[in-house]
Amino acid sequence: SVKGRFTISINIAKNTMYLQMNSLQPEDTAVYYCNAEHYGS
């Protein structure tokens, strides 16, 4: 549902993960959560 519109990336120097969301639509409305799998979720 997000292919071609959203881009996930990581900046190691800033220790940050991003989600660039373009061409947003009403169906994208939600609470967005970050997840990390590191000795557990």
ModelCIF file with pLDDT and N, C-alpha, C, O atoms, coordinates in Angstrom:
data_MODEL
#
_entry.id   MODEL 
#
_entity.id                         1 
_entity.type                       polymer 
_entity.pdbx_number_of_molecules   1 
#
_entity_poly.entity_id                      1 
_entity_poly.type                           'polypeptide(L)' 
_entity_poly.nstd_linkage                   no 
_entity_poly.nstd_monomer                   no 
_entity_poly.pdbx_seq_one_letter_code       SVKGRFTISINIAKNTMYLQMNSLQPEDTAVYYCNAEHYGS 
_entity_poly.pdbx_seq_one_letter_code_can   SVKGRFTISINIAKNTMYLQMNSLQPEDTAVYYCNAEHYGS 
_entity_poly.pdbx_strand_id                 A 
#
loop_
_entity_poly_seq.entity_id 
_entity_poly_seq.num 
_entity_poly_seq.mon_id 
_entity_poly_seq.hetero 
1 1  SER n 
1 2  VAL n 
1 3  LYS n 
1 4  GLY n 
1 5  ARG n 
1 6  PHE n 
1 7  THR n 
1 8  ILE n 
1 9  SER n 
1 10 ILE n 
1 11 ASN n 
1 12 ILE n 
1 13 ALA n 
1 14 LYS n 
1 15 ASN n 
1 16 THR n 
1 17 MET n 
1 18 TYR n 
1 19 LEU n 
1 20 GLN n 
1 21 MET n 
1 22 ASN n 
1 23 SER n 
1 24 LEU n 
1 25 GLN n 
1 26 PRO n 
1 27 GLU n 
1 28 ASP n 
1 29 THR n 
1 30 ALA n 
1 31 VAL n 
1 32 TYR n 
1 33 TYR n 
1 34 CYS n 
1 35 ASN n 
1 36 ALA n 
1 37 GLU n 
1 38 HIS n 
1 39 TYR n 
1 40 GLY n 
1 41 SER n 
#
_struct_asym.id          A 
_struct_asym.entity_id   1 
#
loop_
_ma_qa_metric.id 
_ma_qa_metric.mode 
_ma_qa_metric.name 
_ma_qa_metric.software_group_id 
_ma_qa_metric.type 
1 global pLDDT . pLDDT 
2 local  pLDDT . pLDDT 
#
_ma_qa_metric_global.metric_id      1 
_ma_qa_metric_global.metric_value   96.39 
_ma_qa_metric_global.model_id       1 
_ma_qa_metric_global.ordinal_id     1 
#
loop_
_ma_qa_metric_local.label_asym_id 
_ma_qa_metric_local.label_comp_id 
_ma_qa_metric_local.label_seq_id 
_ma_qa_metric_local.metric_id 
_ma_qa_metric_local.metric_value 
_ma_qa_metric_local.model_id 
_ma_qa_metric_local.ordinal_id 
A SER 1  2 96.00 1 1  
A VAL 2  2 97.00 1 2  
A LYS 3  2 97.00 1 3  
A GLY 4  2 97.00 1 4  
A ARG 5  2 98.00 1 5  
A PHE 6  2 98.00 1 6  
A THR 7  2 98.00 1 7  
A ILE 8  2 97.00 1 8  
A SER 9  2 96.00 1 9  
A ILE 10 2 95.00 1 10 
A ASN 11 2 93.00 1 11 
A ILE 12 2 91.00 1 12 
A ALA 13 2 94.00 1 13 
A LYS 14 2 96.00 1 14 
A ASN 15 2 96.00 1 15 
A THR 16 2 96.00 1 16 
A MET 17 2 97.00 1 17 
A TYR 18 2 98.00 1 18 
A LEU 19 2 98.00 1 19 
A GLN 20 2 98.00 1 20 
A MET 21 2 98.00 1 21 
A ASN 22 2 98.00 1 22 
A SER 23 2 98.00 1 23 
A LEU 24 2 98.00 1 24 
A GLN 25 2 97.00 1 25 
A PRO 26 2 96.00 1 26 
A GLU 27 2 96.00 1 27 
A ASP 28 2 97.00 1 28 
A THR 29 2 97.00 1 29 
A ALA 30 2 98.00 1 30 
A VAL 31 2 98.00 1 31 
A TYR 32 2 98.00 1 32 
A TYR 33 2 98.00 1 33 
A CYS 34 2 98.00 1 34 
A ASN 35 2 97.00 1 35 
A ALA 36 2 97.00 1 36 
A GLU 37 2 94.00 1 37 
A HIS 38 2 92.00 1 38 
A TYR 39 2 93.00 1 39 
A GLY 40 2 93.00 1 40 
A SER 41 2 95.00 1 41 
#
loop_
_atom_site.group_PDB 
_atom_site.id 
_atom_site.type_symbol 
_atom_site.label_atom_id 
_atom_site.label_alt_id 
_atom_site.label_comp_id 
_atom_site.label_asym_id 
_atom_site.label_entity_id 
_atom_site.label_seq_id 
_atom_site.pdbx_PDB_ins_code 
_atom_site.Cartn_x 
_atom_site.Cartn_y 
_atom_site.Cartn_z 
_atom_site.occupancy 
_atom_site.B_iso_or_equiv 
_atom_site.pdbx_formal_charge 
_atom_site.auth_seq_id 
_atom_site.auth_comp_id 
_atom_site.auth_asym_id 
_atom_site.auth_atom_id 
_atom_site.pdbx_PDB_model_num 
ATOM 1   N N  . SER A 1 1  ? 0.799  -1.218 0.000  1.00 96.00 ? 1  SER A N  1 
ATOM 2   C CA . SER A 1 1  ? 0.000  0.000  0.000  1.00 96.00 ? 1  SER A CA 1 
ATOM 3   C C  . SER A 1 1  ? 0.839  1.279  0.000  1.00 96.00 ? 1  SER A C  1 
ATOM 4   O O  . SER A 1 1  ? 0.322  2.355  -0.300 1.00 96.00 ? 1  SER A O  1 
ATOM 5   N N  . VAL A 1 2  ? 2.135  1.171  0.335  1.00 97.00 ? 2  VAL A N  1 
ATOM 6   C CA . VAL A 1 2  ? 2.959  2.381  0.407  1.00 97.00 ? 2  VAL A CA 1 
ATOM 7   C C  . VAL A 1 2  ? 4.115  2.362  -0.586 1.00 97.00 ? 2  VAL A C  1 
ATOM 8   O O  . VAL A 1 2  ? 4.852  3.343  -0.687 1.00 97.00 ? 2  VAL A O  1 
ATOM 9   N N  . LYS A 1 3  ? 4.290  1.264  -1.323 1.00 97.00 ? 3  LYS A N  1 
ATOM 10  C CA . LYS A 1 3  ? 5.392  1.172  -2.288 1.00 97.00 ? 3  LYS A CA 1 
ATOM 11  C C  . LYS A 1 3  ? 5.312  2.311  -3.294 1.00 97.00 ? 3  LYS A C  1 
ATOM 12  O O  . LYS A 1 3  ? 4.248  2.616  -3.834 1.00 97.00 ? 3  LYS A O  1 
ATOM 13  N N  . GLY A 1 4  ? 6.465  2.933  -3.533 1.00 97.00 ? 4  GLY A N  1 
ATOM 14  C CA . GLY A 1 4  ? 6.528  4.028  -4.485 1.00 97.00 ? 4  GLY A CA 1 
ATOM 15  C C  . GLY A 1 4  ? 6.181  5.381  -3.884 1.00 97.00 ? 4  GLY A C  1 
ATOM 16  O O  . GLY A 1 4  ? 6.388  6.413  -4.521 1.00 97.00 ? 4  GLY A O  1 
ATOM 17  N N  . ARG A 1 5  ? 5.652  5.386  -2.653 1.00 98.00 ? 5  ARG A N  1 
ATOM 18  C CA . ARG A 1 5  ? 5.286  6.644  -2.000 1.00 98.00 ? 5  ARG A CA 1 
ATOM 19  C C  . ARG A 1 5  ? 6.099  6.907  -0.735 1.00 98.00 ? 5  ARG A C  1 
ATOM 20  O O  . ARG A 1 5  ? 6.426  8.053  -0.426 1.00 98.00 ? 5  ARG A O  1 
ATOM 21  N N  . PHE A 1 6  ? 6.418  5.852  -0.017 1.00 98.00 ? 6  PHE A N  1 
ATOM 22  C CA . PHE A 1 6  ? 7.153  5.992  1.246  1.00 98.00 ? 6  PHE A CA 1 
ATOM 23  C C  . PHE A 1 6  ? 8.579  5.475  1.069  1.00 98.00 ? 6  PHE A C  1 
ATOM 24  O O  . PHE A 1 6  ? 8.832  4.554  0.292  1.00 98.00 ? 6  PHE A O  1 
ATOM 25  N N  . THR A 1 7  ? 9.505  6.091  1.809  1.00 98.00 ? 7  THR A N  1 
ATOM 26  C CA . THR A 1 7  ? 10.898 5.660  1.782  1.00 98.00 ? 7  THR A CA 1 
ATOM 27  C C  . THR A 1 7  ? 11.427 5.570  3.208  1.00 98.00 ? 7  THR A C  1 
ATOM 28  O O  . THR A 1 7  ? 11.362 6.542  3.961  1.00 98.00 ? 7  THR A O  1 
ATOM 29  N N  . ILE A 1 8  ? 11.951 4.399  3.579  1.00 97.00 ? 8  ILE A N  1 
ATOM 30  C CA . ILE A 1 8  ? 12.567 4.219  4.885  1.00 97.00 ? 8  ILE A CA 1 
ATOM 31  C C  . ILE A 1 8  ? 14.076 4.354  4.721  1.00 97.00 ? 8  ILE A C  1 
ATOM 32  O O  . ILE A 1 8  ? 14.647 3.896  3.731  1.00 97.00 ? 8  ILE A O  1 
ATOM 33  N N  . SER A 1 9  ? 14.714 4.985  5.701  1.00 96.00 ? 9  SER A N  1 
ATOM 34  C CA . SER A 1 9  ? 16.162 5.154  5.627  1.00 96.00 ? 9  SER A CA 1 
ATOM 35  C C  . SER A 1 9  ? 16.742 5.302  7.023  1.00 96.00 ? 9  SER A C  1 
ATOM 36  O O  . SER A 1 9  ? 16.028 5.541  7.998  1.00 96.00 ? 9  SER A O  1 
ATOM 37  N N  . ILE A 1 10 ? 18.053 5.153  7.087  1.00 95.00 ? 10 ILE A N  1 
ATOM 38  C CA . ILE A 1 10 ? 18.786 5.303  8.339  1.00 95.00 ? 10 ILE A CA 1 
ATOM 39  C C  . ILE A 1 10 ? 19.970 6.216  8.117  1.00 95.00 ? 10 ILE A C  1 
ATOM 40  O O  . ILE A 1 10 ? 20.686 6.094  7.123  1.00 95.00 ? 10 ILE A O  1 
ATOM 41  N N  . ASN A 1 11 ? 20.176 7.135  9.052  1.00 93.00 ? 11 ASN A N  1 
ATOM 42  C CA . ASN A 1 11 ? 21.360 7.980  9.068  1.00 93.00 ? 11 ASN A CA 1 
ATOM 43  C C  . ASN A 1 11 ? 22.191 7.557  10.281 1.00 93.00 ? 11 ASN A C  1 
ATOM 44  O O  . ASN A 1 11 ? 21.852 7.883  11.419 1.00 93.00 ? 11 ASN A O  1 
ATOM 45  N N  . ILE A 1 12 ? 23.275 6.833  10.028 1.00 91.00 ? 12 ILE A N  1 
ATOM 46  C CA . ILE A 1 12 ? 24.109 6.321  11.123 1.00 91.00 ? 12 ILE A CA 1 
ATOM 47  C C  . ILE A 1 12 ? 24.693 7.467  11.941 1.00 91.00 ? 12 ILE A C  1 
ATOM 48  O O  . ILE A 1 12 ? 24.714 7.406  13.170 1.00 91.00 ? 12 ILE A O  1 
ATOM 49  N N  . ALA A 1 13 ? 25.167 8.509  11.268 1.00 94.00 ? 13 ALA A N  1 
ATOM 50  C CA . ALA A 1 13 ? 25.813 9.628  11.955 1.00 94.00 ? 13 ALA A CA 1 
ATOM 51  C C  . ALA A 1 13 ? 24.856 10.327 12.924 1.00 94.00 ? 13 ALA A C  1 
ATOM 52  O O  . ALA A 1 13 ? 25.273 10.803 13.980 1.00 94.00 ? 13 ALA A O  1 
ATOM 53  N N  . LYS A 1 14 ? 23.577 10.387 12.561 1.00 96.00 ? 14 LYS A N  1 
ATOM 54  C CA . LYS A 1 14 ? 22.570 11.041 13.414 1.00 96.00 ? 14 LYS A CA 1 
ATOM 55  C C  . LYS A 1 14 ? 21.835 10.034 14.290 1.00 96.00 ? 14 LYS A C  1 
ATOM 56  O O  . LYS A 1 14 ? 20.967 10.406 15.079 1.00 96.00 ? 14 LYS A O  1 
ATOM 57  N N  . ASN A 1 15 ? 22.189 8.741  14.146 1.00 96.00 ? 15 ASN A N  1 
ATOM 58  C CA . ASN A 1 15 ? 21.538 7.680  14.916 1.00 96.00 ? 15 ASN A CA 1 
ATOM 59  C C  . ASN A 1 15 ? 20.017 7.770  14.812 1.00 96.00 ? 15 ASN A C  1 
ATOM 60  O O  . ASN A 1 15 ? 19.312 7.684  15.817 1.00 96.00 ? 15 ASN A O  1 
ATOM 61  N N  . THR A 1 16 ? 19.530 7.940  13.614 1.00 96.00 ? 16 THR A N  1 
ATOM 62  C CA . THR A 1 16 ? 18.121 8.188  13.389 1.00 96.00 ? 16 THR A CA 1 
ATOM 63  C C  . THR A 1 16 ? 17.603 7.378  12.211 1.00 96.00 ? 16 THR A C  1 
ATOM 64  O O  . THR A 1 16 ? 18.280 7.221  11.195 1.00 96.00 ? 16 THR A O  1 
ATOM 65  N N  . MET A 1 17 ? 16.382 6.865  12.373 1.00 97.00 ? 17 MET A N  1 
ATOM 66  C CA . MET A 1 17 ? 15.672 6.219  11.269 1.00 97.00 ? 17 MET A CA 1 
ATOM 67  C C  . MET A 1 17 ? 14.568 7.167  10.808 1.00 97.00 ? 17 MET A C  1 
ATOM 68  O O  . MET A 1 17 ? 13.940 7.845  11.620 1.00 97.00 ? 17 MET A O  1 
ATOM 69  N N  . TYR A 1 18 ? 14.344 7.207  9.512  1.00 98.00 ? 18 TYR A N  1 
ATOM 70  C CA . TYR A 1 18 ? 13.341 8.100  8.943  1.00 98.00 ? 18 TYR A CA 1 
ATOM 71  C C  . TYR A 1 18 ? 12.301 7.310  8.139  1.00 98.00 ? 18 TYR A C  1 
ATOM 72  O O  . TYR A 1 18 ? 12.546 6.197  7.674  1.00 98.00 ? 18 TYR A O  1 
ATOM 73  N N  . LEU A 1 19 ? 11.142 7.935  8.000  1.00 98.00 ? 19 LEU A N  1 
ATOM 74  C CA . LEU A 1 19 ? 10.148 7.460  7.049  1.00 98.00 ? 19 LEU A CA 1 
ATOM 75  C C  . LEU A 1 19 ? 9.656  8.691  6.283  1.00 98.00 ? 19 LEU A C  1 
ATOM 76  O O  . LEU A 1 19 ? 8.896  9.504  6.811  1.00 98.00 ? 19 LEU A O  1 
ATOM 77  N N  . GLN A 1 20 ? 10.099 8.810  5.041  1.00 98.00 ? 20 GLN A N  1 
ATOM 78  C CA . GLN A 1 20 ? 9.642  9.896  4.173  1.00 98.00 ? 20 GLN A CA 1 
ATOM 79  C C  . GLN A 1 20 ? 8.349  9.442  3.515  1.00 98.00 ? 20 GLN A C  1 
ATOM 80  O O  . GLN A 1 20 ? 8.318  8.425  2.822  1.00 98.00 ? 20 GLN A O  1 
ATOM 81  N N  . MET A 1 21 ? 7.290  10.195 3.734  1.00 98.00 ? 21 MET A N  1 
ATOM 82  C CA . MET A 1 21 ? 5.979  9.831  3.210  1.00 98.00 ? 21 MET A CA 1 
ATOM 83  C C  . MET A 1 21 ? 5.517  10.898 2.224  1.00 98.00 ? 21 MET A C  1 
ATOM 84  O O  . MET A 1 21 ? 5.301  12.051 2.594  1.00 98.00 ? 21 MET A O  1 
ATOM 85  N N  . ASN A 1 22 ? 5.370  10.499 0.974  1.00 98.00 ? 22 ASN A N  1 
ATOM 86  C CA . ASN A 1 22 ? 4.919  11.398 -0.082 1.00 98.00 ? 22 ASN A CA 1 
ATOM 87  C C  . ASN A 1 22 ? 3.560  10.938 -0.613 1.00 98.00 ? 22 ASN A C  1 
ATOM 88  O O  . ASN A 1 22 ? 3.142  9.802  -0.391 1.00 98.00 ? 22 ASN A O  1 
ATOM 89  N N  . SER A 1 23 ? 2.895  11.831 -1.307 1.00 98.00 ? 23 SER A N  1 
ATOM 90  C CA . SER A 1 23 ? 1.586  11.526 -1.911 1.00 98.00 ? 23 SER A CA 1 
ATOM 91  C C  . SER A 1 23 ? 0.645  10.901 -0.889 1.00 98.00 ? 23 SER A C  1 
ATOM 92  O O  . SER A 1 23 ? -0.012 9.895  -1.158 1.00 98.00 ? 23 SER A O  1 
ATOM 93  N N  . LEU A 1 24 ? 0.593  11.515 0.284  1.00 98.00 ? 24 LEU A N  1 
ATOM 94  C CA . LEU A 1 24 ? -0.231 10.971 1.358  1.00 98.00 ? 24 LEU A CA 1 
ATOM 95  C C  . LEU A 1 24 ? -1.711 11.020 1.000  1.00 98.00 ? 24 LEU A C  1 
ATOM 96  O O  . LEU A 1 24 ? -2.185 11.950 0.347  1.00 98.00 ? 24 LEU A O  1 
ATOM 97  N N  . GLN A 1 25 ? -2.419 10.001 1.445  1.00 97.00 ? 25 GLN A N  1 
ATOM 98  C CA . GLN A 1 25 ? -3.846 9.871  1.182  1.00 97.00 ? 25 GLN A CA 1 
ATOM 99  C C  . GLN A 1 25 ? -4.593 9.693  2.507  1.00 97.00 ? 25 GLN A C  1 
ATOM 100 O O  . GLN A 1 25 ? -3.982 9.317  3.507  1.00 97.00 ? 25 GLN A O  1 
ATOM 101 N N  . PRO A 1 26 ? -5.890 9.954  2.529  1.00 96.00 ? 26 PRO A N  1 
ATOM 102 C CA . PRO A 1 26 ? -6.653 9.809  3.775  1.00 96.00 ? 26 PRO A CA 1 
ATOM 103 C C  . PRO A 1 26 ? -6.503 8.424  4.405  1.00 96.00 ? 26 PRO A C  1 
ATOM 104 O O  . PRO A 1 26 ? -6.538 8.294  5.628  1.00 96.00 ? 26 PRO A O  1 
ATOM 105 N N  . GLU A 1 27 ? -6.340 7.408  3.590  1.00 96.00 ? 27 GLU A N  1 
ATOM 106 C CA . GLU A 1 27 ? -6.198 6.048  4.133  1.00 96.00 ? 27 GLU A CA 1 
ATOM 107 C C  . GLU A 1 27 ? -4.858 5.826  4.832  1.00 96.00 ? 27 GLU A C  1 
ATOM 108 O O  . GLU A 1 27 ? -4.659 4.787  5.462  1.00 96.00 ? 27 GLU A O  1 
ATOM 109 N N  . ASP A 1 28 ? -3.945 6.775  4.731  1.00 97.00 ? 28 ASP A N  1 
ATOM 110 C CA . ASP A 1 28 ? -2.679 6.702  5.467  1.00 97.00 ? 28 ASP A CA 1 
ATOM 111 C C  . ASP A 1 28 ? -2.829 7.224  6.898  1.00 97.00 ? 28 ASP A C  1 
ATOM 112 O O  . ASP A 1 28 ? -1.898 7.112  7.696  1.00 97.00 ? 28 ASP A O  1 
ATOM 113 N N  . THR A 1 29 ? -3.971 7.781  7.222  1.00 97.00 ? 29 THR A N  1 
ATOM 114 C CA . THR A 1 29 ? -4.217 8.295  8.570  1.00 97.00 ? 29 THR A CA 1 
ATOM 115 C C  . THR A 1 29 ? -4.132 7.172  9.594  1.00 97.00 ? 29 THR A C  1 
ATOM 116 O O  . THR A 1 29 ? -4.834 6.167  9.489  1.00 97.00 ? 29 THR A O  1 
ATOM 117 N N  . ALA A 1 30 ? -3.268 7.354  10.583 1.00 98.00 ? 30 ALA A N  1 
ATOM 118 C CA . ALA A 1 30 ? -3.040 6.333  11.605 1.00 98.00 ? 30 ALA A CA 1 
ATOM 119 C C  . ALA A 1 30 ? -2.054 6.869  12.632 1.00 98.00 ? 30 ALA A C  1 
ATOM 120 O O  . ALA A 1 30 ? -1.462 7.933  12.453 1.00 98.00 ? 30 ALA A O  1 
ATOM 121 N N  . VAL A 1 31 ? -1.891 6.114  13.707 1.00 98.00 ? 31 VAL A N  1 
ATOM 122 C CA . VAL A 1 31 ? -0.774 6.348  14.612 1.00 98.00 ? 31 VAL A CA 1 
ATOM 123 C C  . VAL A 1 31 ? 0.392  5.494  14.103 1.00 98.00 ? 31 VAL A C  1 
ATOM 124 O O  . VAL A 1 31 ? 0.251  4.286  13.909 1.00 98.00 ? 31 VAL A O  1 
ATOM 125 N N  . TYR A 1 32 ? 1.514  6.123  13.895 1.00 98.00 ? 32 TYR A N  1 
ATOM 126 C CA . TYR A 1 32 ? 2.693  5.442  13.367 1.00 98.00 ? 32 TYR A CA 1 
ATOM 127 C C  . TYR A 1 32 ? 3.662  5.154  14.517 1.00 98.00 ? 32 TYR A C  1 
ATOM 128 O O  . TYR A 1 32 ? 3.965  6.024  15.333 1.00 98.00 ? 32 TYR A O  1 
ATOM 129 N N  . TYR A 1 33 ? 4.134  3.916  14.553 1.00 98.00 ? 33 TYR A N  1 
ATOM 130 C CA . TYR A 1 33 ? 5.032  3.467  15.614 1.00 98.00 ? 33 TYR A CA 1 
ATOM 131 C C  . TYR A 1 33 ? 6.373  3.027  15.045 1.00 98.00 ? 33 TYR A C  1 
ATOM 132 O O  . TYR A 1 33 ? 6.448  2.375  14.004 1.00 98.00 ? 33 TYR A O  1 
ATOM 133 N N  . CYS A 1 34 ? 7.416  3.400  15.752 1.00 98.00 ? 34 CYS A N  1 
ATOM 134 C CA . CYS A 1 34 ? 8.757  2.931  15.452 1.00 98.00 ? 34 CYS A CA 1 
ATOM 135 C C  . CYS A 1 34 ? 8.990  1.622  16.208 1.00 98.00 ? 34 CYS A C  1 
ATOM 136 O O  . CYS A 1 34 ? 8.572  1.477  17.357 1.00 98.00 ? 34 CYS A O  1 
ATOM 137 N N  . ASN A 1 35 ? 9.654  0.682  15.559 1.00 97.00 ? 35 ASN A N  1 
ATOM 138 C CA . ASN A 1 35 ? 9.953  -0.607 16.179 1.00 97.00 ? 35 ASN A CA 1 
ATOM 139 C C  . ASN A 1 35 ? 11.425 -0.940 15.993 1.00 97.00 ? 35 ASN A C  1 
ATOM 140 O O  . ASN A 1 35 ? 12.014 -0.649 14.952 1.00 97.00 ? 35 ASN A O  1 
ATOM 141 N N  . ALA A 1 36 ? 12.014 -1.558 17.023 1.00 97.00 ? 36 ALA A N  1 
ATOM 142 C CA . ALA A 1 36 ? 13.393 -2.030 16.943 1.00 97.00 ? 36 ALA A CA 1 
ATOM 143 C C  . ALA A 1 36 ? 13.456 -3.442 17.499 1.00 97.00 ? 36 ALA A C  1 
ATOM 144 O O  . ALA A 1 36 ? 12.965 -3.713 18.595 1.00 97.00 ? 36 ALA A O  1 
ATOM 145 N N  . GLU A 1 37 ? 14.062 -4.337 16.734 1.00 94.00 ? 37 GLU A N  1 
ATOM 146 C CA . GLU A 1 37 ? 14.279 -5.711 17.183 1.00 94.00 ? 37 GLU A CA 1 
ATOM 147 C C  . GLU A 1 37 ? 15.714 -5.823 17.674 1.00 94.00 ? 37 GLU A C  1 
ATOM 148 O O  . GLU A 1 37 ? 16.652 -5.906 16.881 1.00 94.00 ? 37 GLU A O  1 
ATOM 149 N N  . HIS A 1 38 ? 15.874 -5.823 19.011 1.00 92.00 ? 38 HIS A N  1 
ATOM 150 C CA . HIS A 1 38 ? 17.207 -5.798 19.624 1.00 92.00 ? 38 HIS A CA 1 
ATOM 151 C C  . HIS A 1 38 ? 17.091 -6.503 20.959 1.00 92.00 ? 38 HIS A C  1 
ATOM 152 O O  . HIS A 1 38 ? 16.726 -5.895 21.966 1.00 92.00 ? 38 HIS A O  1 
ATOM 153 N N  . TYR A 1 39 ? 17.412 -7.818 20.962 1.00 93.00 ? 39 TYR A N  1 
ATOM 154 C CA . TYR A 1 39 ? 17.218 -8.624 22.176 1.00 93.00 ? 39 TYR A CA 1 
ATOM 155 C C  . TYR A 1 39 ? 15.776 -8.471 22.668 1.00 93.00 ? 39 TYR A C  1 
ATOM 156 O O  . TYR A 1 39 ? 15.527 -8.303 23.861 1.00 93.00 ? 39 TYR A O  1 
ATOM 157 N N  . GLY A 1 40 ? 14.865 -8.530 21.753 1.00 93.00 ? 40 GLY A N  1 
ATOM 158 C CA . GLY A 1 40 ? 13.451 -8.350 22.064 1.00 93.00 ? 40 GLY A CA 1 
ATOM 159 C C  . GLY A 1 40 ? 12.874 -7.266 21.181 1.00 93.00 ? 40 GLY A C  1 
ATOM 160 O O  . GLY A 1 40 ? 13.595 -6.596 20.442 1.00 93.00 ? 40 GLY A O  1 
ATOM 161 N N  . SER A 1 41 ? 11.562 -7.100 21.265 1.00 95.00 ? 41 SER A N  1 
ATOM 162 C CA . SER A 1 41 ? 10.873 -6.127 20.421 1.00 95.00 ? 41 SER A CA 1 
ATOM 163 C C  . SER A 1 41 ? 10.578 -4.874 21.239 1.00 95.00 ? 41 SER A C  1 
ATOM 164 O O  . SER A 1 41 ? 9.998  -3.920 20.720 1.00 95.00 ? 41 SER A O  1 
#
